PDB file of N, CA and C in Angstrom:
ATOM      1  N   MET A   1      93.529  80.261  86.295  1.00  0.00           N
ATOM      2  CA  MET A   1      93.853  80.511  87.674  1.00  0.00           C
ATOM      3  C   MET A   1      92.758  79.873  88.523  1.00  0.00           C
ATOM      4  N   SER A   2      93.169  79.249  89.599  1.00  0.00           N
ATOM      5  CA  SER A   2      92.206  78.585  90.482  1.00  0.00           C
ATOM      6  C   SER A   2      91.421  79.620  91.284  1.00  0.00           C
ATOM      7  N   ASP A   3      90.326  79.189  91.874  1.00  0.00           N
ATOM      8  CA  ASP A   3      89.525  80.087  92.708  1.00  0.00           C
ATOM      9  C   ASP A   3      90.320  80.592  93.909  1.00  0.00           C
ATOM     10  N   GLY A   4      91.153  79.725  94.474  1.00  0.00           N
ATOM     11  CA  GLY A   4      91.980  80.129  95.613  1.00  0.00           C
ATOM     12  C   GLY A   4      93.006  81.185  95.227  1.00  0.00           C
ATOM     13  N   GLU A   5      93.624  81.000  94.061  1.00  0.00           N
ATOM     14  CA  GLU A   5      94.592  81.994  93.582  1.00  0.00           C
ATOM     15  C   GLU A   5      93.899  83.326  93.311  1.00  0.00           C
ATOM     16  N   TRP A   6      92.705  83.265  92.706  1.00  0.00           N
ATOM     17  CA  TRP A   6      91.961  84.490  92.441  1.00  0.00           C
ATOM     18  C   TRP A   6      91.577  85.180  93.754  1.00  0.00           C
ATOM     19  N   ALA A   7      91.150  84.436  94.747  1.00  0.00           N
ATOM     20  CA  ALA A   7      90.771  85.022  96.031  1.00  0.00           C
ATOM     21  C   ALA A   7      91.950  85.776  96.648  1.00  0.00           C
ATOM     22  N   PHE A   8      93.153  85.247  96.509  1.00  0.00           N
ATOM     23  CA  PHE A   8      94.344  85.921  97.023  1.00  0.00           C
ATOM     24  C   PHE A   8      94.577  87.235  96.289  1.00  0.00           C
ATOM     25  N   HIS A   9      94.551  87.217  94.956  1.00  0.00           N
ATOM     26  CA  HIS A   9      94.865  88.402  94.159  1.00  0.00           C
ATOM     27  C   HIS A   9      93.754  89.449  94.171  1.00  0.00           C
ATOM     28  N   GLU A  10      92.505  89.009  94.280  1.00  0.00           N
ATOM     29  CA  GLU A  10      91.371  89.926  94.167  1.00  0.00           C
ATOM     30  C   GLU A  10      91.410  91.042  95.198  1.00  0.00           C
ATOM     31  N   ARG A  11      91.798  90.745  96.409  1.00  0.00           N
ATOM     32  CA  ARG A  11      91.813  91.780  97.454  1.00  0.00           C
ATOM     33  C   ARG A  11      92.792  92.907  97.135  1.00  0.00           C
ATOM     34  N   PHE A  12      93.897  92.584  96.497  1.00  0.00           N
ATOM     35  CA  PHE A  12      94.863  93.619  96.109  1.00  0.00           C
ATOM     36  C   PHE A  12      94.326  94.458  94.957  1.00  0.00           C
ATOM     37  N   ILE A  13      93.705  93.792  94.006  1.00  0.00           N
ATOM     38  CA  ILE A  13      93.159  94.494  92.847  1.00  0.00           C
ATOM     39  C   ILE A  13      92.059  95.454  93.270  1.00  0.00           C
ATOM     40  N   LEU A  14      91.192  95.014  94.137  1.00  0.00           N
ATOM     41  CA  LEU A  14      90.106  95.882  94.589  1.00  0.00           C
ATOM     42  C   LEU A  14      90.627  97.046  95.412  1.00  0.00           C
ATOM     43  N   ALA A  15      91.735  96.862  96.106  1.00  0.00           N
ATOM     44  CA  ALA A  15      92.301  97.930  96.934  1.00  0.00           C
ATOM     45  C   ALA A  15      92.922  99.041  96.093  1.00  0.00           C
ATOM     46  N   VAL A  16      93.418  98.739  94.906  1.00  0.00           N
ATOM     47  CA  VAL A  16      94.063  99.772  94.074  1.00  0.00           C
ATOM     48  C   VAL A  16      93.134 100.313  92.998  1.00  0.00           C
ATOM     49  N   ARG A  17      91.903  99.840  92.966  1.00  0.00           N
ATOM     50  CA  ARG A  17      90.956 100.280  91.939  1.00  0.00           C
ATOM     51  C   ARG A  17      90.599 101.746  92.137  1.00  0.00           C
ATOM     52  N   ALA A  18      90.654 102.492  91.070  1.00  0.00           N
ATOM     53  CA  ALA A  18      90.314 103.918  91.125  1.00  0.00           C
ATOM     54  C   ALA A  18      88.803 104.086  91.036  1.00  0.00           C
ATOM     55  N   PRO A  19      88.224 104.848  91.954  1.00  0.00           N
ATOM     56  CA  PRO A  19      86.769 105.055  91.921  1.00  0.00           C
ATOM     57  C   PRO A  19      86.382 106.103  90.873  1.00  0.00           C
ATOM     58  N   ASN A  20      86.267 105.696  89.619  1.00  0.00           N
ATOM     59  CA  ASN A  20      85.965 106.646  88.559  1.00  0.00           C
ATOM     60  C   ASN A  20      84.563 106.484  87.996  1.00  0.00           C
ATOM     61  N   GLY A  21      83.756 105.642  88.614  1.00  0.00           N
ATOM     62  CA  GLY A  21      82.391 105.473  88.166  1.00  0.00           C
ATOM     63  C   GLY A  21      82.213 104.528  86.986  1.00  0.00           C
ATOM     64  N   ARG A  22      83.306 104.047  86.423  1.00  0.00           N
ATOM     65  CA  ARG A  22      83.199 103.119  85.302  1.00  0.00           C
ATOM     66  C   ARG A  22      82.941 101.712  85.812  1.00  0.00           C
ATOM     67  N   LYS A  23      82.231 100.950  85.012  1.00  0.00           N
ATOM     68  CA  LYS A  23      81.981  99.553  85.338  1.00  0.00           C
ATOM     69  C   LYS A  23      83.309  98.796  85.298  1.00  0.00           C
ATOM     70  N   PRO A  24      83.634  98.040  86.350  1.00  0.00           N
ATOM     71  CA  PRO A  24      84.914  97.313  86.340  1.00  0.00           C
ATOM     72  C   PRO A  24      84.921  96.224  85.274  1.00  0.00           C
ATOM     73  N   SER A  25      86.096  96.023  84.686  1.00  0.00           N
ATOM     74  CA  SER A  25      86.246  94.946  83.712  1.00  0.00           C
ATOM     75  C   SER A  25      86.384  93.626  84.458  1.00  0.00           C
ATOM     76  N   ASN A  26      86.497  92.562  83.726  1.00  0.00           N
ATOM     77  CA  ASN A  26      86.694  91.255  84.333  1.00  0.00           C
ATOM     78  C   ASN A  26      88.161  91.165  84.750  1.00  0.00           C
ATOM     79  N   HIS A  27      88.450  91.565  85.974  1.00  0.00           N
ATOM     80  CA  HIS A  27      89.828  91.626  86.450  1.00  0.00           C
ATOM     81  C   HIS A  27      90.496  90.259  86.471  1.00  0.00           C
ATOM     82  N   ARG A  28      89.729  89.228  86.722  1.00  0.00           N
ATOM     83  CA  ARG A  28      90.311  87.890  86.744  1.00  0.00           C
ATOM     84  C   ARG A  28      90.817  87.509  85.356  1.00  0.00           C
ATOM     85  N   LEU A  29      90.048  87.818  84.328  1.00  0.00           N
ATOM     86  CA  LEU A  29      90.454  87.524  82.963  1.00  0.00           C
ATOM     87  C   LEU A  29      91.670  88.360  82.567  1.00  0.00           C
ATOM     88  N   VAL A  30      91.677  89.627  82.960  1.00  0.00           N
ATOM     89  CA  VAL A  30      92.821  90.502  82.682  1.00  0.00           C
ATOM     90  C   VAL A  30      94.075  89.945  83.358  1.00  0.00           C
ATOM     91  N   LEU A  31      93.952  89.542  84.608  1.00  0.00           N
ATOM     92  CA  LEU A  31      95.100  88.987  85.331  1.00  0.00           C
ATOM     93  C   LEU A  31      95.588  87.696  84.668  1.00  0.00           C
ATOM     94  N   ASP A  32      94.654  86.867  84.215  1.00  0.00           N
ATOM     95  CA  ASP A  32      95.052  85.660  83.482  1.00  0.00           C
ATOM     96  C   ASP A  32      95.833  86.028  82.224  1.00  0.00           C
ATOM     97  N   GLY A  33      95.404  87.085  81.530  1.00  0.00           N
ATOM     98  CA  GLY A  33      96.113  87.535  80.338  1.00  0.00           C
ATOM     99  C   GLY A  33      97.513  88.020  80.657  1.00  0.00           C
ATOM    100  N   ILE A  34      97.649  88.762  81.743  1.00  0.00           N
ATOM    101  CA  ILE A  34      98.964  89.255  82.169  1.00  0.00           C
ATOM    102  C   ILE A  34      99.876  88.079  82.515  1.00  0.00           C
ATOM    103  N   PHE A  35      99.335  87.101  83.223  1.00  0.00           N
ATOM    104  CA  PHE A  35     100.132  85.923  83.557  1.00  0.00           C
ATOM    105  C   PHE A  35     100.512  85.141  82.291  1.00  0.00           C
ATOM    106  N   TRP A  36      99.620  85.110  81.285  1.00  0.00           N
ATOM    107  CA  TRP A  36      99.943  84.431  80.021  1.00  0.00           C
ATOM    108  C   TRP A  36     101.142  85.108  79.365  1.00  0.00           C
ATOM    109  N   ILE A  37     101.141  86.437  79.337  1.00  0.00           N
ATOM    110  CA  ILE A  37     102.259  87.191  78.756  1.00  0.00           C
ATOM    111  C   ILE A  37     103.550  86.887  79.532  1.00  0.00           C
ATOM    112  N   ALA A  38     103.469  86.907  80.862  1.00  0.00           N
ATOM    113  CA  ALA A  38     104.656  86.654  81.688  1.00  0.00           C
ATOM    114  C   ALA A  38     105.183  85.234  81.473  1.00  0.00           C
ATOM    115  N   ARG A  39     104.268  84.281  81.372  1.00  0.00           N
ATOM    116  CA  ARG A  39     104.676  82.883  81.221  1.00  0.00           C
ATOM    117  C   ARG A  39     105.283  82.601  79.855  1.00  0.00           C
ATOM    118  N   THR A  40     104.720  83.185  78.789  1.00  0.00           N
ATOM    119  CA  THR A  40     105.165  82.866  77.433  1.00  0.00           C
ATOM    120  C   THR A  40     106.263  83.785  76.927  1.00  0.00           C
ATOM    121  N   GLY A  41     106.351  84.990  77.486  1.00  0.00           N
ATOM    122  CA  GLY A  41     107.321  85.952  76.993  1.00  0.00           C
ATOM    123  C   GLY A  41     106.927  86.553  75.649  1.00  0.00           C
ATOM    124  N   SER A  42     105.686  86.355  75.264  1.00  0.00           N
ATOM    125  CA  SER A  42     105.192  86.871  73.987  1.00  0.00           C
ATOM    126  C   SER A  42     104.972  88.376  74.043  1.00  0.00           C
ATOM    127  N   PRO A  43     104.987  89.035  72.890  1.00  0.00           N
ATOM    128  CA  PRO A  43     104.648  90.457  72.866  1.00  0.00           C
ATOM    129  C   PRO A  43     103.151  90.655  73.157  1.00  0.00           C
ATOM    130  N   TRP A  44     102.824  91.823  73.671  1.00  0.00           N
ATOM    131  CA  TRP A  44     101.429  92.111  74.031  1.00  0.00           C
ATOM    132  C   TRP A  44     100.480  91.899  72.854  1.00  0.00           C
ATOM    133  N   ARG A  45     100.902  92.253  71.667  1.00  0.00           N
ATOM    134  CA  ARG A  45     100.023  92.131  70.492  1.00  0.00           C
ATOM    135  C   ARG A  45      99.677  90.681  70.170  1.00  0.00           C
ATOM    136  N   ASP A  46     100.413  89.720  70.718  1.00  0.00           N
ATOM    137  CA  ASP A  46     100.128  88.305  70.479  1.00  0.00           C
ATOM    138  C   ASP A  46      99.211  87.700  71.536  1.00  0.00           C
ATOM    139  N   LEU A  47      98.714  88.513  72.447  1.00  0.00           N
ATOM    140  CA  LEU A  47      97.806  88.009  73.486  1.00  0.00           C
ATOM    141  C   LEU A  47      96.552  87.433  72.829  1.00  0.00           C
ATOM    142  N   PRO A  48      96.192  86.187  73.123  1.00  0.00           N
ATOM    143  CA  PRO A  48      94.989  85.600  72.526  1.00  0.00           C
ATOM    144  C   PRO A  48      93.737  86.416  72.860  1.00  0.00           C
ATOM    145  N   GLU A  49      92.811  86.476  71.922  1.00  0.00           N
ATOM    146  CA  GLU A  49      91.593  87.261  72.082  1.00  0.00           C
ATOM    147  C   GLU A  49      90.741  86.807  73.256  1.00  0.00           C
ATOM    148  N   GLU A  50      90.921  85.582  73.714  1.00  0.00           N
ATOM    149  CA  GLU A  50      90.125  85.078  74.836  1.00  0.00           C
ATOM    150  C   GLU A  50      90.336  85.913  76.109  1.00  0.00           C
ATOM    151  N   PHE A  51      91.435  86.659  76.178  1.00  0.00           N
ATOM    152  CA  PHE A  51      91.721  87.503  77.337  1.00  0.00           C
ATOM    153  C   PHE A  51      91.212  88.929  77.151  1.00  0.00           C
ATOM    154  N   GLY A  52      90.681  89.238  76.001  1.00  0.00           N
ATOM    155  CA  GLY A  52      90.234  90.588  75.696  1.00  0.00           C
ATOM    156  C   GLY A  52      91.217  91.260  74.760  1.00  0.00           C
ATOM    157  N   LYS A  53      90.956  92.527  74.477  1.00  0.00           N
ATOM    158  CA  LYS A  53      91.846  93.267  73.590  1.00  0.00           C
ATOM    159  C   LYS A  53      93.200  93.447  74.263  1.00  0.00           C
ATOM    160  N   TRP A  54      94.259  93.168  73.522  1.00  0.00           N
ATOM    161  CA  TRP A  54      95.603  93.246  74.101  1.00  0.00           C
ATOM    162  C   TRP A  54      95.873  94.626  74.664  1.00  0.00           C
ATOM    163  N   SER A  55      95.410  95.671  73.984  1.00  0.00           N
ATOM    164  CA  SER A  55      95.688  97.029  74.442  1.00  0.00           C
ATOM    165  C   SER A  55      94.992  97.327  75.765  1.00  0.00           C
ATOM    166  N   SER A  56      93.806  96.771  75.970  1.00  0.00           N
ATOM    167  CA  SER A  56      93.090  96.969  77.234  1.00  0.00           C
ATOM    168  C   SER A  56      93.782  96.236  78.382  1.00  0.00           C
ATOM    169  N   VAL A  57      94.245  95.024  78.096  1.00  0.00           N
ATOM    170  CA  VAL A  57      94.948  94.248  79.123  1.00  0.00           C
ATOM    171  C   VAL A  57      96.254  94.952  79.475  1.00  0.00           C
ATOM    172  N   TYR A  58      96.963  95.434  78.462  1.00  0.00           N
ATOM    173  CA  TYR A  58      98.217  96.149  78.718  1.00  0.00           C
ATOM    174  C   TYR A  58      97.965  97.426  79.517  1.00  0.00           C
ATOM    175  N   ARG A  59      96.922  98.170  79.155  1.00  0.00           N
ATOM    176  CA  ARG A  59      96.603  99.415  79.867  1.00  0.00           C
ATOM    177  C   ARG A  59      96.334  99.131  81.354  1.00  0.00           C
ATOM    178  N   GLN A  60      95.602  98.052  81.632  1.00  0.00           N
ATOM    179  CA  GLN A  60      95.334  97.713  83.029  1.00  0.00           C
ATOM    180  C   GLN A  60      96.612  97.265  83.733  1.00  0.00           C
ATOM    181  N   PHE A  61      97.467  96.530  83.040  1.00  0.00           N
ATOM    182  CA  PHE A  61      98.758  96.134  83.596  1.00  0.00           C
ATOM    183  C   PHE A  61      99.555  97.369  84.017  1.00  0.00           C
ATOM    184  N   ARG A  62      99.600  98.392  83.146  1.00  0.00           N
ATOM    185  CA  ARG A  62     100.328  99.630  83.450  1.00  0.00           C
ATOM    186  C   ARG A  62      99.719 100.347  84.654  1.00  0.00           C
ATOM    187  N   ARG A  63      98.394 100.411  84.714  1.00  0.00           N
ATOM    188  CA  ARG A  63      97.740 101.062  85.860  1.00  0.00           C
ATOM    189  C   ARG A  63      98.124 100.361  87.156  1.00  0.00           C
ATOM    190  N   TRP A  64      98.055  99.044  87.137  1.00  0.00           N
ATOM    191  CA  TRP A  64      98.397  98.287  88.342  1.00  0.00           C
ATOM    192  C   TRP A  64      99.867  98.438  88.691  1.00  0.00           C
ATOM    193  N   THR A  65     100.728  98.504  87.684  1.00  0.00           N
ATOM    194  CA  THR A  65     102.153  98.699  87.925  1.00  0.00           C
ATOM    195  C   THR A  65     102.398 100.048  88.585  1.00  0.00           C
ATOM    196  N   LEU A  66     101.803 101.087  88.044  1.00  0.00           N
ATOM    197  CA  LEU A  66     101.975 102.439  88.606  1.00  0.00           C
ATOM    198  C   LEU A  66     101.386 102.562  90.008  1.00  0.00           C
ATOM    199  N   ALA A  67     100.363 101.771  90.295  1.00  0.00           N
ATOM    200  CA  ALA A  67      99.739 101.791  91.620  1.00  0.00           C
ATOM    201  C   ALA A  67     100.507 100.957  92.646  1.00  0.00           C
ATOM    202  N   GLY A  68     101.545 100.232  92.197  1.00  0.00           N
ATOM    203  CA  GLY A  68     102.350  99.421  93.114  1.00  0.00           C
ATOM    204  C   GLY A  68     101.745  98.065  93.450  1.00  0.00           C
ATOM    205  N   LEU A  69     100.815  97.606  92.630  1.00  0.00           N
ATOM    206  CA  LEU A  69     100.126  96.340  92.906  1.00  0.00           C
ATOM    207  C   LEU A  69     101.083  95.164  93.010  1.00  0.00           C
ATOM    208  N   TRP A  70     102.013  95.066  92.092  1.00  0.00           N
ATOM    209  CA  TRP A  70     102.900  93.892  92.067  1.00  0.00           C
ATOM    210  C   TRP A  70     103.802  93.854  93.299  1.00  0.00           C
ATOM    211  N   GLU A  71     104.267  95.005  93.754  1.00  0.00           N
ATOM    212  CA  GLU A  71     105.083  95.062  94.973  1.00  0.00           C
ATOM    213  C   GLU A  71     104.264  94.634  96.190  1.00  0.00           C
ATOM    214  N   GLN A  72     102.998  95.066  96.245  1.00  0.00           N
ATOM    215  CA  GLN A  72     102.133  94.683  97.362  1.00  0.00           C
ATOM    216  C   GLN A  72     101.910  93.177  97.384  1.00  0.00           C
ATOM    217  N   ILE A  73     101.687  92.606  96.226  1.00  0.00           N
ATOM    218  CA  ILE A  73     101.474  91.156  96.138  1.00  0.00           C
ATOM    219  C   ILE A  73     102.732  90.404  96.562  1.00  0.00           C
ATOM    220  N   MET A  74     103.896  90.851  96.080  1.00  0.00           N
ATOM    221  CA  MET A  74     105.138  90.178  96.450  1.00  0.00           C
ATOM    222  C   MET A  74     105.415  90.287  97.947  1.00  0.00           C
ATOM    223  N   GLU A  75     105.149  91.449  98.530  1.00  0.00           N
ATOM    224  CA  GLU A  75     105.356  91.607  99.967  1.00  0.00           C
ATOM    225  C   GLU A  75     104.432  90.686 100.754  1.00  0.00           C
ATOM    226  N   ALA A  76     103.175  90.569 100.318  1.00  0.00           N
ATOM    227  CA  ALA A  76     102.239  89.676 101.003  1.00  0.00           C
ATOM    228  C   ALA A  76     102.686  88.222 100.888  1.00  0.00           C
ATOM    229  N   LEU A  77     103.194  87.842  99.734  1.00  0.00           N
ATOM    230  CA  LEU A  77     103.699  86.480  99.576  1.00  0.00           C
ATOM    231  C   LEU A  77     104.898  86.249 100.484  1.00  0.00           C
ATOM    232  N   ASN A  78     105.781  87.245 100.565  1.00  0.00           N
ATOM    233  CA  ASN A  78     106.956  87.128 101.438  1.00  0.00           C
ATOM    234  C   ASN A  78     106.534  87.038 102.898  1.00  0.00           C
ATOM    235  N   CYS A  79     105.603  87.852 103.315  1.00  0.00           N
ATOM    236  CA  CYS A  79     105.162  87.853 104.711  1.00  0.00           C
ATOM    237  C   CYS A  79     104.396  86.580 105.061  1.00  0.00           C
ATOM    238  N   GLY A  80     103.782  85.984 104.061  1.00  0.00           N
ATOM    239  CA  GLY A  80     103.046  84.744 104.283  1.00  0.00           C
ATOM    240  C   GLY A  80     103.957  83.539 104.306  1.00  0.00           C
ATOM    241  N   ARG A  81     105.249  83.797 104.266  1.00  0.00           N
ATOM    242  CA  ARG A  81     106.262  82.767 104.300  1.00  0.00           C
ATOM    243  C   ARG A  81     106.197  81.804 103.120  1.00  0.00           C
ATOM    244  N   VAL A  82     105.547  82.254 102.033  1.00  0.00           N
ATOM    245  CA  VAL A  82     105.586  81.483 100.808  1.00  0.00           C
ATOM    246  C   VAL A  82     106.999  81.531 100.269  1.00  0.00           C
ATOM    247  N   VAL A  83     107.628  82.697 100.433  1.00  0.00           N
ATOM    248  CA  VAL A  83     109.037  82.887 100.114  1.00  0.00           C
ATOM    249  C   VAL A  83     109.714  83.288 101.415  1.00  0.00           C
ATOM    250  N   PRO A  84     110.696  82.538 101.929  1.00  0.00           N
ATOM    251  CA  PRO A  84     111.247  82.829 103.241  1.00  0.00           C
ATOM    252  C   PRO A  84     112.106  84.090 103.250  1.00  0.00           C
ATOM    253  N   MET A  85     111.486  85.200 103.641  1.00  0.00           N
ATOM    254  CA  MET A  85     112.186  86.474 103.802  1.00  0.00           C
ATOM    255  C   MET A  85     111.503  87.222 104.940  1.00  0.00           C
ATOM    256  N   GLY A  86     112.167  88.215 105.449  1.00  0.00           N
ATOM    257  CA  GLY A  86     111.565  89.018 106.508  1.00  0.00           C
ATOM    258  C   GLY A  86     110.474  89.919 105.966  1.00  0.00           C
ATOM    259  N   CYS A  87     109.616  90.404 106.867  1.00  0.00           N
ATOM    260  CA  CYS A  87     108.589  91.347 106.440  1.00  0.00           C
ATOM    261  C   CYS A  87     108.408  92.400 107.530  1.00  0.00           C
ATOM    262  N   ARG A  88     107.811  93.500 107.110  1.00  0.00           N
ATOM    263  CA  ARG A  88     107.596  94.616 108.035  1.00  0.00           C
ATOM    264  C   ARG A  88     106.416  94.395 108.934  1.00  0.00           C
TER     265      ARG A  88
END
């Protein structure tokens, strides 16, 4: 992922982060792993080790899904006229 793409996604990730006192993981690497899964259609267990443990990447994917991260990102893309649709 390019630096510009990461800059776009990072603000959403930081906004949904739970303040639990734990050291944050490398969110950029986790997001790259999630995008690899989406692009290839591979099962989570086939995620290359370069992205970290598949179970950790999947767990973060689930947290972000439950927090509504993907909907927020899609709405921002729609409002930015990247995809021509109305926005609130």
